[in-house]
PDB file of all heavy atoms in Angstrom:
ATOM      1  N   GLU A   1       0.768  -1.065   0.026  1.00  0.00           N
ATOM      2  CA  GLU A   1       0.069   0.056  -0.069  1.00  0.00           C
ATOM      3  C   GLU A   1       0.872   1.236   0.030  1.00  0.00           C
ATOM      4  O   GLU A   1       1.885   1.278   0.628  1.00  0.00           O
ATOM      5  CB  GLU A   1      -0.896  -0.016   1.212  1.00  0.00           C
ATOM      6  CG  GLU A   1      -1.878   1.199   1.129  1.00  0.00           C
ATOM      7  CD  GLU A   1      -2.843   1.102   2.315  1.00  0.00           C
ATOM      8  OE1 GLU A   1      -2.732   0.315   3.252  1.00  0.00           O
ATOM      9  OE2 GLU A   1      -3.723   2.039   2.368  1.00  0.00           O
ATOM     10  N   VAL A   2       0.395   2.238  -0.756  1.00  0.00           N
ATOM     11  CA  VAL A   2       1.181   3.569  -0.875  1.00  0.00           C
ATOM     12  C   VAL A   2       0.234   4.552  -0.317  1.00  0.00           C
ATOM     13  O   VAL A   2      -1.036   4.736  -0.707  1.00  0.00           O
ATOM     14  CB  VAL A   2       1.484   3.860  -2.353  1.00  0.00           C
ATOM     15  CG1 VAL A   2       2.144   5.184  -2.388  1.00  0.00           C
ATOM     16  CG2 VAL A   2       2.476   2.745  -2.871  1.00  0.00           C
ATOM     17  N   LYS A   3       0.712   5.389   0.613  1.00  0.00           N
ATOM     18  CA  LYS A   3      -0.020   6.488   1.199  1.00  0.00           C
ATOM     19  C   LYS A   3       0.142   7.802   0.370  1.00  0.00           C
ATOM     20  O   LYS A   3       1.215   8.355   0.461  1.00  0.00           O
ATOM     21  CB  LYS A   3       0.446   6.674   2.706  1.00  0.00           C
ATOM     22  CG  LYS A   3       0.070   5.629   3.540  1.00  0.00           C
ATOM     23  CD  LYS A   3      -1.449   5.283   3.736  1.00  0.00           C
ATOM     24  CE  LYS A   3      -1.732   4.354   4.764  1.00  0.00           C
ATOM     25  NZ  LYS A   3      -3.142   4.068   4.939  1.00  0.00           N
ATOM     26  N   LEU A   4      -0.923   8.294  -0.238  1.00  0.00           N
ATOM     27  CA  LEU A   4      -0.759   9.580  -0.988  1.00  0.00           C
ATOM     28  C   LEU A   4      -1.897  10.627  -0.426  1.00  0.00           C
ATOM     29  O   LEU A   4      -2.813  10.211   0.235  1.00  0.00           O
ATOM     30  CB  LEU A   4      -1.285   9.298  -2.512  1.00  0.00           C
ATOM     31  CG  LEU A   4      -0.458   8.192  -3.286  1.00  0.00           C
ATOM     32  CD1 LEU A   4      -0.963   8.125  -4.666  1.00  0.00           C
ATOM     33  CD2 LEU A   4       0.925   8.756  -3.302  1.00  0.00           C
ATOM     34  N   THR A   5      -1.398  11.817  -0.577  1.00  0.00           N
ATOM     35  CA  THR A   5      -2.331  12.907  -0.230  1.00  0.00           C
ATOM     36  C   THR A   5      -3.507  13.015  -1.237  1.00  0.00           C
ATOM     37  O   THR A   5      -3.359  12.428  -2.335  1.00  0.00           O
ATOM     38  CB  THR A   5      -1.710  14.303  -0.180  1.00  0.00           C
ATOM     39  OG1 THR A   5      -1.344  14.576  -1.463  1.00  0.00           O
ATOM     40  CG2 THR A   5      -0.454  14.215   0.773  1.00  0.00           C
ATOM     41  N   PRO A   6      -4.637  13.606  -0.960  1.00  0.00           N
ATOM     42  CA  PRO A   6      -5.685  13.625  -1.880  1.00  0.00           C
ATOM     43  C   PRO A   6      -5.228  14.262  -3.275  1.00  0.00           C
ATOM     44  O   PRO A   6      -5.741  13.849  -4.253  1.00  0.00           O
ATOM     45  CB  PRO A   6      -6.672  14.581  -1.288  1.00  0.00           C
ATOM     46  CG  PRO A   6      -6.499  14.256   0.166  1.00  0.00           C
ATOM     47  CD  PRO A   6      -5.091  14.147   0.374  1.00  0.00           C
ATOM     48  N   ILE A   7      -4.453  15.270  -3.261  1.00  0.00           N
ATOM     49  CA  ILE A   7      -3.878  15.793  -4.494  1.00  0.00           C
ATOM     50  C   ILE A   7      -3.061  14.909  -5.151  1.00  0.00           C
ATOM     51  O   ILE A   7      -3.178  14.672  -6.390  1.00  0.00           O
ATOM     52  CB  ILE A   7      -3.172  17.103  -4.162  1.00  0.00           C
ATOM     53  CG1 ILE A   7      -4.065  18.234  -3.721  1.00  0.00           C
ATOM     54  CG2 ILE A   7      -2.319  17.652  -5.389  1.00  0.00           C
ATOM     55  CD1 ILE A   7      -5.085  18.689  -4.879  1.00  0.00           C
ATOM     56  N   GLU A   8      -2.157  14.279  -4.502  1.00  0.00           N
ATOM     57  CA  GLU A   8      -1.252  13.290  -5.156  1.00  0.00           C
ATOM     58  C   GLU A   8      -2.153  12.110  -5.782  1.00  0.00           C
ATOM     59  O   GLU A   8      -1.804  11.828  -6.959  1.00  0.00           O
ATOM     60  CB  GLU A   8      -0.284  12.617  -4.143  1.00  0.00           C
ATOM     61  CG  GLU A   8       0.737  13.619  -3.690  1.00  0.00           C
ATOM     62  CD  GLU A   8       1.465  13.271  -2.455  1.00  0.00           C
ATOM     63  OE1 GLU A   8       1.159  12.180  -1.949  1.00  0.00           O
ATOM     64  OE2 GLU A   8       2.485  13.994  -1.959  1.00  0.00           O
ATOM     65  N   TYR A   9      -3.177  11.681  -5.112  1.00  0.00           N
ATOM     66  CA  TYR A   9      -3.908  10.613  -5.642  1.00  0.00           C
ATOM     67  C   TYR A   9      -4.624  11.100  -6.827  1.00  0.00           C
ATOM     68  O   TYR A   9      -4.694  10.243  -7.765  1.00  0.00           O
ATOM     69  CB  TYR A   9      -5.004  10.158  -4.638  1.00  0.00           C
ATOM     70  CG  TYR A   9      -6.015   9.209  -5.015  1.00  0.00           C
ATOM     71  CD1 TYR A   9      -5.633   7.812  -4.811  1.00  0.00           C
ATOM     72  CD2 TYR A   9      -7.137   9.593  -5.645  1.00  0.00           C
ATOM     73  CE1 TYR A   9      -6.590   6.943  -5.384  1.00  0.00           C
ATOM     74  CE2 TYR A   9      -8.065   8.612  -6.057  1.00  0.00           C
ATOM     75  CZ  TYR A   9      -7.787   7.388  -5.968  1.00  0.00           C
ATOM     76  OH  TYR A   9      -8.674   6.408  -6.435  1.00  0.00           O
ATOM     77  N   ASN A  10      -5.195  12.226  -6.909  1.00  0.00           N
ATOM     78  CA  ASN A  10      -5.946  12.563  -7.993  1.00  0.00           C
ATOM     79  C   ASN A  10      -5.114  12.906  -9.316  1.00  0.00           C
ATOM     80  O   ASN A  10      -5.415  12.493 -10.362  1.00  0.00           O
ATOM     81  CB  ASN A  10      -6.627  13.985  -7.704  1.00  0.00           C
ATOM     82  CG  ASN A  10      -7.962  13.713  -7.068  1.00  0.00           C
ATOM     83  OD1 ASN A  10      -8.533  12.690  -7.033  1.00  0.00           O
ATOM     84  ND2 ASN A  10      -8.470  14.737  -6.164  1.00  0.00           N
ATOM     85  N   ILE A  11      -3.903  13.361  -8.958  1.00  0.00           N
ATOM     86  CA  ILE A  11      -2.997  13.437 -10.115  1.00  0.00           C
ATOM     87  C   ILE A  11      -2.494  12.100 -10.708  1.00  0.00           C
ATOM     88  O   ILE A  11      -2.582  11.936 -11.874  1.00  0.00           O
ATOM     89  CB  ILE A  11      -1.655  14.125  -9.617  1.00  0.00           C
ATOM     90  CG1 ILE A  11      -1.934  15.788  -9.342  1.00  0.00           C
ATOM     91  CG2 ILE A  11      -0.545  14.184 -10.790  1.00  0.00           C
ATOM     92  CD1 ILE A  11      -0.773  16.470  -8.802  1.00  0.00           C
ATOM     93  N   LEU A  12      -2.226  11.207  -9.816  1.00  0.00           N
ATOM     94  CA  LEU A  12      -1.861   9.833 -10.220  1.00  0.00           C
ATOM     95  C   LEU A  12      -3.173   9.185 -10.933  1.00  0.00           C
ATOM     96  O   LEU A  12      -2.906   8.500 -12.057  1.00  0.00           O
ATOM     97  CB  LEU A  12      -1.377   9.020  -9.089  1.00  0.00           C
ATOM     98  CG  LEU A  12      -0.981   7.597  -9.487  1.00  0.00           C
ATOM     99  CD1 LEU A  12       0.212   7.581 -10.419  1.00  0.00           C
ATOM    100  CD2 LEU A  12      -0.513   6.794  -8.106  1.00  0.00           C
ATOM    101  N   LEU A  13      -4.363   9.351 -10.336  1.00  0.00           N
ATOM    102  CA  LEU A  13      -5.470   8.773 -11.009  1.00  0.00           C
ATOM    103  C   LEU A  13      -5.679   9.331 -12.386  1.00  0.00           C
ATOM    104  O   LEU A  13      -5.888   8.502 -13.343  1.00  0.00           O
ATOM    105  CB  LEU A  13      -6.646   8.972 -10.142  1.00  0.00           C
ATOM    106  CG  LEU A  13      -8.077   8.535 -10.688  1.00  0.00           C
ATOM    107  CD1 LEU A  13      -8.044   6.968 -10.818  1.00  0.00           C
ATOM    108  CD2 LEU A  13      -9.150   9.054  -9.830  1.00  0.00           C
ATOM    109  N   PHE A  14      -5.609  10.627 -12.517  1.00  0.00           N
ATOM    110  CA  PHE A  14      -5.798  11.158 -13.833  1.00  0.00           C
ATOM    111  C   PHE A  14      -4.794  10.659 -14.879  1.00  0.00           C
ATOM    112  O   PHE A  14      -5.221  10.312 -16.017  1.00  0.00           O
ATOM    113  CB  PHE A  14      -5.709  12.691 -13.709  1.00  0.00           C
ATOM    114  CG  PHE A  14      -5.654  13.491 -15.006  1.00  0.00           C
ATOM    115  CD1 PHE A  14      -6.791  13.565 -15.879  1.00  0.00           C
ATOM    116  CD2 PHE A  14      -4.499  14.014 -15.553  1.00  0.00           C
ATOM    117  CE1 PHE A  14      -6.771  14.178 -17.157  1.00  0.00           C
ATOM    118  CE2 PHE A  14      -4.509  14.699 -16.655  1.00  0.00           C
ATOM    119  CZ  PHE A  14      -5.602  14.729 -17.552  1.00  0.00           C
ATOM    120  N   LEU A  15      -3.582  10.638 -14.514  1.00  0.00           N
ATOM    121  CA  LEU A  15      -2.634  10.182 -15.397  1.00  0.00           C
ATOM    122  C   LEU A  15      -2.639   8.801 -15.831  1.00  0.00           C
ATOM    123  O   LEU A  15      -2.404   8.277 -16.934  1.00  0.00           O
ATOM    124  CB  LEU A  15      -1.141  10.614 -14.854  1.00  0.00           C
ATOM    125  CG  LEU A  15      -0.769  12.112 -14.941  1.00  0.00           C
ATOM    126  CD1 LEU A  15       0.699  12.252 -14.219  1.00  0.00           C
ATOM    127  CD2 LEU A  15      -0.760  12.726 -16.262  1.00  0.00           C
ATOM    128  N   THR A  16      -3.030   7.966 -14.788  1.00  0.00           N
ATOM    129  CA  THR A  16      -3.167   6.579 -15.081  1.00  0.00           C
ATOM    130  C   THR A  16      -4.330   6.143 -15.824  1.00  0.00           C
ATOM    131  O   THR A  16      -4.255   5.169 -16.676  1.00  0.00           O
ATOM    132  CB  THR A  16      -3.198   5.697 -13.691  1.00  0.00           C
ATOM    133  OG1 THR A  16      -2.051   6.153 -12.961  1.00  0.00           O
ATOM    134  CG2 THR A  16      -3.050   4.151 -13.866  1.00  0.00           C
ATOM    135  N   GLU A  17      -5.468   6.828 -15.672  1.00  0.00           N
ATOM    136  CA  GLU A  17      -6.581   6.614 -16.508  1.00  0.00           C
ATOM    137  C   GLU A  17      -6.310   6.939 -17.944  1.00  0.00           C
ATOM    138  O   GLU A  17      -6.935   6.469 -18.787  1.00  0.00           O
ATOM    139  CB  GLU A  17      -7.822   7.577 -15.991  1.00  0.00           C
ATOM    140  CG  GLU A  17      -8.364   6.904 -14.722  1.00  0.00           C
ATOM    141  CD  GLU A  17      -9.649   7.696 -14.244  1.00  0.00           C
ATOM    142  OE1 GLU A  17      -9.511   8.951 -14.260  1.00  0.00           O
ATOM    143  OE2 GLU A  17     -10.610   7.227 -13.730  1.00  0.00           O
ATOM    144  N   ASN A  18      -5.308   7.798 -18.137  1.00  0.00           N
ATOM    145  CA  ASN A  18      -4.938   8.369 -19.560  1.00  0.00           C
ATOM    146  C   ASN A  18      -3.542   7.914 -19.836  1.00  0.00           C
ATOM    147  O   ASN A  18      -2.841   8.547 -20.506  1.00  0.00           O
ATOM    148  CB  ASN A  18      -5.155   9.793 -19.574  1.00  0.00           C
ATOM    149  CG  ASN A  18      -6.501  10.271 -19.509  1.00  0.00           C
ATOM    150  OD1 ASN A  18      -7.314  10.203 -20.362  1.00  0.00           O
ATOM    151  ND2 ASN A  18      -6.789  10.790 -18.097  1.00  0.00           N
ATOM    152  N   ARG A  19      -3.249   6.609 -19.261  1.00  0.00           N
ATOM    153  CA  ARG A  19      -1.822   6.329 -19.340  1.00  0.00           C
ATOM    154  C   ARG A  19      -1.284   6.154 -20.830  1.00  0.00           C
ATOM    155  O   ARG A  19      -2.170   5.751 -21.704  1.00  0.00           O
ATOM    156  CB  ARG A  19      -1.551   4.840 -18.748  1.00  0.00           C
ATOM    157  CG  ARG A  19      -2.650   3.783 -19.081  1.00  0.00           C
ATOM    158  CD  ARG A  19      -2.543   2.580 -18.014  1.00  0.00           C
ATOM    159  NE  ARG A  19      -3.526   1.589 -18.157  1.00  0.00           N
ATOM    160  CZ  ARG A  19      -4.791   1.674 -17.749  1.00  0.00           C
ATOM    161  NH1 ARG A  19      -5.134   2.792 -17.106  1.00  0.00           N
ATOM    162  NH2 ARG A  19      -5.603   0.692 -17.918  1.00  0.00           N
ATOM    163  N   GLY A  20      -0.112   6.611 -21.087  1.00  0.00           N
ATOM    164  CA  GLY A  20       0.380   6.521 -22.477  1.00  0.00           C
ATOM    165  C   GLY A  20       0.374   7.916 -23.146  1.00  0.00           C
ATOM    166  O   GLY A  20       0.923   8.267 -24.097  1.00  0.00           O
ATOM    167  N   ARG A  21      -0.481   8.824 -22.579  1.00  0.00           N
ATOM    168  CA  ARG A  21      -0.775  10.228 -23.125  1.00  0.00           C
ATOM    169  C   ARG A  21       0.046  11.190 -22.342  1.00  0.00           C
ATOM    170  O   ARG A  21       0.153  10.983 -20.998  1.00  0.00           O
ATOM    171  CB  ARG A  21      -2.288  10.655 -22.963  1.00  0.00           C
ATOM    172  CG  ARG A  21      -3.114   9.857 -23.926  1.00  0.00           C
ATOM    173  CD  ARG A  21      -4.545  10.232 -23.838  1.00  0.00           C
ATOM    174  NE  ARG A  21      -4.636  11.674 -24.080  1.00  0.00           N
ATOM    175  CZ  ARG A  21      -5.866  12.453 -23.944  1.00  0.00           C
ATOM    176  NH1 ARG A  21      -6.874  11.856 -23.405  1.00  0.00           N
ATOM    177  NH2 ARG A  21      -5.745  13.707 -24.134  1.00  0.00           N
ATOM    178  N   VAL A  22       0.620  12.058 -22.946  1.00  0.00           N
ATOM    179  CA  VAL A  22       1.425  13.136 -22.278  1.00  0.00           C
ATOM    180  C   VAL A  22       0.652  14.391 -22.048  1.00  0.00           C
ATOM    181  O   VAL A  22      -0.252  14.948 -22.893  1.00  0.00           O
ATOM    182  CB  VAL A  22       2.637  13.534 -23.205  1.00  0.00           C
ATOM    183  CG1 VAL A  22       3.478  14.749 -22.521  1.00  0.00           C
ATOM    184  CG2 VAL A  22       3.425  12.313 -23.402  1.00  0.00           C
ATOM    185  N   PHE A  23       0.665  14.928 -20.760  1.00  0.00           N
ATOM    186  CA  PHE A  23      -0.086  16.154 -20.436  1.00  0.00           C
ATOM    187  C   PHE A  23       0.900  17.147 -19.800  1.00  0.00           C
ATOM    188  O   PHE A  23       1.772  16.799 -19.019  1.00  0.00           O
ATOM    189  CB  PHE A  23      -1.151  15.698 -19.351  1.00  0.00           C
ATOM    190  CG  PHE A  23      -2.191  14.923 -19.821  1.00  0.00           C
ATOM    191  CD1 PHE A  23      -2.072  13.515 -19.611  1.00  0.00           C
ATOM    192  CD2 PHE A  23      -3.368  15.367 -20.413  1.00  0.00           C
ATOM    193  CE1 PHE A  23      -3.026  12.748 -20.075  1.00  0.00           C
ATOM    194  CE2 PHE A  23      -4.422  14.581 -20.675  1.00  0.00           C
ATOM    195  CZ  PHE A  23      -4.244  13.175 -20.782  1.00  0.00           C
ATOM    196  N   ASN A  24       0.770  18.356 -20.336  1.00  0.00           N
ATOM    197  CA  ASN A  24       1.497  19.494 -19.684  1.00  0.00           C
ATOM    198  C   ASN A  24       1.032  19.879 -18.327  1.00  0.00           C
ATOM    199  O   ASN A  24      -0.116  19.410 -17.953  1.00  0.00           O
ATOM    200  CB  ASN A  24       1.770  20.595 -20.645  1.00  0.00           C
ATOM    201  CG  ASN A  24       0.398  21.288 -20.940  1.00  0.00           C
ATOM    202  OD1 ASN A  24      -0.513  21.467 -20.135  1.00  0.00           O
ATOM    203  ND2 ASN A  24       0.179  21.802 -22.204  1.00  0.00           N
ATOM    204  N   THR A  25       1.733  20.741 -17.637  1.00  0.00           N
ATOM    205  CA  THR A  25       1.310  21.029 -16.241  1.00  0.00           C
ATOM    206  C   THR A  25       0.015  21.767 -16.213  1.00  0.00           C
ATOM    207  O   THR A  25      -0.825  21.476 -15.376  1.00  0.00           O
ATOM    208  CB  THR A  25       2.449  22.036 -15.628  1.00  0.00           C
ATOM    209  OG1 THR A  25       2.759  23.258 -16.482  1.00  0.00           O
ATOM    210  CG2 THR A  25       3.716  21.219 -15.474  1.00  0.00           C
ATOM    211  N   SER A  26      -0.269  22.633 -17.224  1.00  0.00           N
ATOM    212  CA  SER A  26      -1.569  23.315 -17.164  1.00  0.00           C
ATOM    213  C   SER A  26      -2.749  22.465 -17.414  1.00  0.00           C
ATOM    214  O   SER A  26      -3.753  22.392 -16.685  1.00  0.00           O
ATOM    215  CB  SER A  26      -1.533  24.461 -18.316  1.00  0.00           C
ATOM    216  OG  SER A  26      -0.695  25.423 -18.096  1.00  0.00           O
ATOM    217  N   GLN A  27      -2.528  21.407 -18.247  1.00  0.00           N
ATOM    218  CA  GLN A  27      -3.612  20.306 -18.494  1.00  0.00           C
ATOM    219  C   GLN A  27      -3.751  19.607 -17.254  1.00  0.00           C
ATOM    220  O   GLN A  27      -4.952  19.256 -16.862  1.00  0.00           O
ATOM    221  CB  GLN A  27      -3.218  19.443 -19.633  1.00  0.00           C
ATOM    222  CG  GLN A  27      -3.256  20.195 -21.018  1.00  0.00           C
ATOM    223  CD  GLN A  27      -2.691  19.306 -22.134  1.00  0.00           C
ATOM    224  OE1 GLN A  27      -1.707  18.706 -21.913  1.00  0.00           O
ATOM    225  NE2 GLN A  27      -3.307  19.272 -23.307  1.00  0.00           N
ATOM    226  N   ILE A  28      -2.729  19.175 -16.524  1.00  0.00           N
ATOM    227  CA  ILE A  28      -2.942  18.380 -15.347  1.00  0.00           C
ATOM    228  C   ILE A  28      -3.672  19.240 -14.243  1.00  0.00           C
ATOM    229  O   ILE A  28      -4.554  18.877 -13.489  1.00  0.00           O
ATOM    230  CB  ILE A  28      -1.530  17.891 -14.740  1.00  0.00           C
ATOM    231  CG1 ILE A  28      -0.865  17.034 -15.777  1.00  0.00           C
ATOM    232  CG2 ILE A  28      -1.656  17.208 -13.303  1.00  0.00           C
ATOM    233  CD1 ILE A  28       0.568  16.509 -15.496  1.00  0.00           C
ATOM    234  N   TYR A  29      -3.141  20.509 -14.080  1.00  0.00           N
ATOM    235  CA  TYR A  29      -3.811  21.366 -13.046  1.00  0.00           C
ATOM    236  C   TYR A  29      -5.151  21.710 -13.434  1.00  0.00           C
ATOM    237  O   TYR A  29      -6.090  21.404 -12.480  1.00  0.00           O
ATOM    238  CB  TYR A  29      -3.049  22.695 -13.086  1.00  0.00           C
ATOM    239  CG  TYR A  29      -3.462  23.603 -11.918  1.00  0.00           C
ATOM    240  CD1 TYR A  29      -2.645  23.663 -10.797  1.00  0.00           C
ATOM    241  CD2 TYR A  29      -4.500  24.398 -12.008  1.00  0.00           C
ATOM    242  CE1 TYR A  29      -2.931  24.460  -9.654  1.00  0.00           C
ATOM    243  CE2 TYR A  29      -4.954  25.199 -10.910  1.00  0.00           C
ATOM    244  CZ  TYR A  29      -4.168  25.192  -9.683  1.00  0.00           C
ATOM    245  OH  TYR A  29      -4.499  25.963  -8.759  1.00  0.00           O
ATOM    246  N   GLU A  30      -5.548  21.866 -14.602  1.00  0.00           N
ATOM    247  CA  GLU A  30      -7.096  22.152 -14.817  1.00  0.00           C
ATOM    248  C   GLU A  30      -7.907  20.878 -14.677  1.00  0.00           C
ATOM    249  O   GLU A  30      -9.055  20.848 -14.296  1.00  0.00           O
ATOM    250  CB  GLU A  30      -7.132  22.689 -16.304  1.00  0.00           C
ATOM    251  CG  GLU A  30      -6.654  23.936 -16.463  1.00  0.00           C
ATOM    252  CD  GLU A  30      -6.531  24.414 -17.910  1.00  0.00           C
ATOM    253  OE1 GLU A  30      -6.872  23.732 -18.866  1.00  0.00           O
ATOM    254  OE2 GLU A  30      -5.970  25.559 -18.190  1.00  0.00           O
ATOM    255  N   ALA A  31      -7.355  19.701 -14.958  1.00  0.00           N
ATOM    256  CA  ALA A  31      -7.995  18.350 -14.777  1.00  0.00           C
ATOM    257  C   ALA A  31      -8.219  18.111 -13.276  1.00  0.00           C
ATOM    258  O   ALA A  31      -9.284  17.566 -12.824  1.00  0.00           O
ATOM    259  CB  ALA A  31      -7.356  17.305 -15.403  1.00  0.00           C
ATOM    260  N   VAL A  32      -7.237  18.322 -12.423  1.00  0.00           N
ATOM    261  CA  VAL A  32      -7.209  17.910 -11.156  1.00  0.00           C
ATOM    262  C   VAL A  32      -7.899  18.917 -10.185  1.00  0.00           C
ATOM    263  O   VAL A  32      -8.675  18.702  -9.260  1.00  0.00           O
ATOM    264  CB  VAL A  32      -5.805  17.587 -10.573  1.00  0.00           C
ATOM    265  CG1 VAL A  32      -5.714  17.335  -9.024  1.00  0.00           C
ATOM    266  CG2 VAL A  32      -5.242  16.341 -11.287  1.00  0.00           C
ATOM    267  N   TRP A  33      -7.563  20.261 -10.401  1.00  0.00           N
ATOM    268  CA  TRP A  33      -8.065  21.332  -9.589  1.00  0.00           C
ATOM    269  C   TRP A  33      -9.414  21.727 -10.124  1.00  0.00           C
ATOM    270  O   TRP A  33     -10.114  22.528  -9.388  1.00  0.00           O
ATOM    271  CB  TRP A  33      -7.053  22.479  -9.563  1.00  0.00           C
ATOM    272  CG  TRP A  33      -5.977  22.477  -8.513  1.00  0.00           C
ATOM    273  CD1 TRP A  33      -6.061  23.154  -7.229  1.00  0.00           C
ATOM    274  CD2 TRP A  33      -4.829  21.693  -8.550  1.00  0.00           C
ATOM    275  NE1 TRP A  33      -4.945  22.750  -6.569  1.00  0.00           N
ATOM    276  CE2 TRP A  33      -4.158  21.868  -7.250  1.00  0.00           C
ATOM    277  CE3 TRP A  33      -4.334  20.689  -9.383  1.00  0.00           C
ATOM    278  CZ2 TRP A  33      -3.040  21.268  -6.989  1.00  0.00           C
ATOM    279  CZ3 TRP A  33      -3.143  20.097  -9.034  1.00  0.00           C
ATOM    280  CH2 TRP A  33      -2.442  20.426  -7.881  1.00  0.00           C
ATOM    281  N   ASP A  34      -9.731  21.436 -11.356  1.00  0.00           N
ATOM    282  CA  ASP A  34     -10.988  21.883 -11.890  1.00  0.00           C
ATOM    283  C   ASP A  34     -11.122  23.387 -12.005  1.00  0.00           C
ATOM    284  O   ASP A  34     -12.101  23.927 -11.730  1.00  0.00           O
ATOM    285  CB  ASP A  34     -12.224  21.240 -11.120  1.00  0.00           C
ATOM    286  CG  ASP A  34     -13.449  21.370 -12.015  1.00  0.00           C
ATOM    287  OD1 ASP A  34     -13.505  21.525 -13.302  1.00  0.00           O
ATOM    288  OD2 ASP A  34     -14.648  21.373 -11.338  1.00  0.00           O
ATOM    289  N   GLU A  35     -10.018  24.015 -12.337  1.00  0.00           N
ATOM    290  CA  GLU A  35      -9.962  25.502 -12.508  1.00  0.00           C
ATOM    291  C   GLU A  35      -8.879  25.892 -13.389  1.00  0.00           C
ATOM    292  O   GLU A  35      -8.104  25.066 -13.694  1.00  0.00           O
ATOM    293  CB  GLU A  35      -9.865  26.166 -11.093  1.00  0.00           C
ATOM    294  CG  GLU A  35      -8.510  25.770 -10.443  1.00  0.00           C
ATOM    295  CD  GLU A  35      -8.500  26.424  -9.048  1.00  0.00           C
ATOM    296  OE1 GLU A  35      -9.505  26.406  -8.305  1.00  0.00           O
ATOM    297  OE2 GLU A  35      -7.449  26.843  -8.663  1.00  0.00           O
ATOM    298  N   ASP A  36      -8.951  27.048 -13.898  1.00  0.00           N
ATOM    299  CA  ASP A  36      -7.861  27.528 -14.845  1.00  0.00           C
ATOM    300  C   ASP A  36      -6.436  27.544 -14.154  1.00  0.00           C
ATOM    301  O   ASP A  36      -6.352  27.845 -12.920  1.00  0.00           O
ATOM    302  CB  ASP A  36      -8.074  28.974 -15.257  1.00  0.00           C
ATOM    303  CG  ASP A  36      -9.308  29.119 -16.137  1.00  0.00           C
ATOM    304  OD1 ASP A  36      -9.633  28.035 -16.718  1.00  0.00           O
ATOM    305  OD2 ASP A  36      -9.901  30.102 -16.313  1.00  0.00           O
ATOM    306  N   ALA A  37      -5.470  27.207 -14.849  1.00  0.00           N
ATOM    307  CA  ALA A  37      -4.153  26.967 -14.306  1.00  0.00           C
ATOM    308  C   ALA A  37      -3.537  28.370 -14.228  1.00  0.00           C
ATOM    309  O   ALA A  37      -3.382  29.120 -15.137  1.00  0.00           O
ATOM    310  CB  ALA A  37      -3.283  26.118 -15.258  1.00  0.00           C
ATOM    311  N   LEU A  38      -3.013  28.632 -12.994  1.00  0.00           N
ATOM    312  CA  LEU A  38      -2.359  29.831 -12.630  1.00  0.00           C
ATOM    313  C   LEU A  38      -1.036  29.518 -11.991  1.00  0.00           C
ATOM    314  O   LEU A  38      -0.861  28.927 -10.887  1.00  0.00           O
ATOM    315  CB  LEU A  38      -3.192  30.726 -11.670  1.00  0.00           C
ATOM    316  CG  LEU A  38      -4.575  31.216 -12.130  1.00  0.00           C
ATOM    317  CD1 LEU A  38      -5.401  31.788 -11.084  1.00  0.00           C
ATOM    318  CD2 LEU A  38      -4.509  32.185 -13.405  1.00  0.00           C
ATOM    319  N   ALA A  39       0.052  29.815 -12.734  1.00  0.00           N
ATOM    320  CA  ALA A  39       1.465  29.417 -12.265  1.00  0.00           C
ATOM    321  C   ALA A  39       1.476  28.021 -11.743  1.00  0.00           C
ATOM    322  O   ALA A  39       1.913  27.841 -10.625  1.00  0.00           O
ATOM    323  CB  ALA A  39       1.872  30.528 -11.132  1.00  0.00           C
ATOM    324  N   SER A  40       1.079  27.130 -12.623  1.00  0.00           N
ATOM    325  CA  SER A  40       0.919  25.741 -12.148  1.00  0.00           C
ATOM    326  C   SER A  40       2.241  24.945 -12.136  1.00  0.00           C
ATOM    327  O   SER A  40       2.302  23.793 -11.633  1.00  0.00           O
ATOM    328  CB  SER A  40      -0.164  25.067 -13.000  1.00  0.00           C
ATOM    329  OG  SER A  40       0.172  24.972 -14.253  1.00  0.00           O
ATOM    330  N   ASP A  41       3.287  25.367 -12.893  1.00  0.00           N
ATOM    331  CA  ASP A  41       4.405  24.578 -13.115  1.00  0.00           C
ATOM    332  C   ASP A  41       5.073  24.055 -11.785  1.00  0.00           C
ATOM    333  O   ASP A  41       5.340  22.795 -11.681  1.00  0.00           O
ATOM    334  CB  ASP A  41       5.453  25.318 -13.838  1.00  0.00           C
ATOM    335  CG  ASP A  41       5.067  25.584 -15.396  1.00  0.00           C
ATOM    336  OD1 ASP A  41       4.024  25.093 -15.792  1.00  0.00           O
ATOM    337  OD2 ASP A  41       5.784  26.145 -16.139  1.00  0.00           O
ATOM    338  N   ASN A  42       5.328  25.011 -10.886  1.00  0.00           N
ATOM    339  CA  ASN A  42       5.930  24.512  -9.640  1.00  0.00           C
ATOM    340  C   ASN A  42       5.161  23.645  -8.884  1.00  0.00           C
ATOM    341  O   ASN A  42       5.559  22.654  -8.265  1.00  0.00           O
ATOM    342  CB  ASN A  42       6.282  25.812  -8.702  1.00  0.00           C
ATOM    343  CG  ASN A  42       7.455  26.533  -9.418  1.00  0.00           C
ATOM    344  OD1 ASN A  42       8.195  26.079 -10.197  1.00  0.00           O
ATOM    345  ND2 ASN A  42       7.560  27.922  -9.002  1.00  0.00           N
ATOM    346  N   ILE A  43       3.863  23.862  -8.746  1.00  0.00           N
ATOM    347  CA  ILE A  43       2.841  23.028  -8.050  1.00  0.00           C
ATOM    348  C   ILE A  43       2.893  21.552  -8.534  1.00  0.00           C
ATOM    349  O   ILE A  43       3.015  20.694  -7.773  1.00  0.00           O
ATOM    350  CB  ILE A  43       1.515  23.596  -8.060  1.00  0.00           C
ATOM    351  CG1 ILE A  43       1.372  25.076  -7.282  1.00  0.00           C
ATOM    352  CG2 ILE A  43       0.494  22.694  -7.372  1.00  0.00           C
ATOM    353  CD1 ILE A  43       0.123  25.718  -7.406  1.00  0.00           C
TER     354      ILE A  43
END
C-alpha cells in the first residue's frame, strides 16, 4: 500500500486513467483542480 495525499492521488489517477498520453502542467492542473491553471508549473 502507498499513502498519497488527496492531491497526489488525483494526479496519479488522472494520469493512470490516461496512461500513455502526455499532459503538460496546465492540463494536469485544470483536470485535477477543476479550474484555470495559474502559475501551475511549480505546484
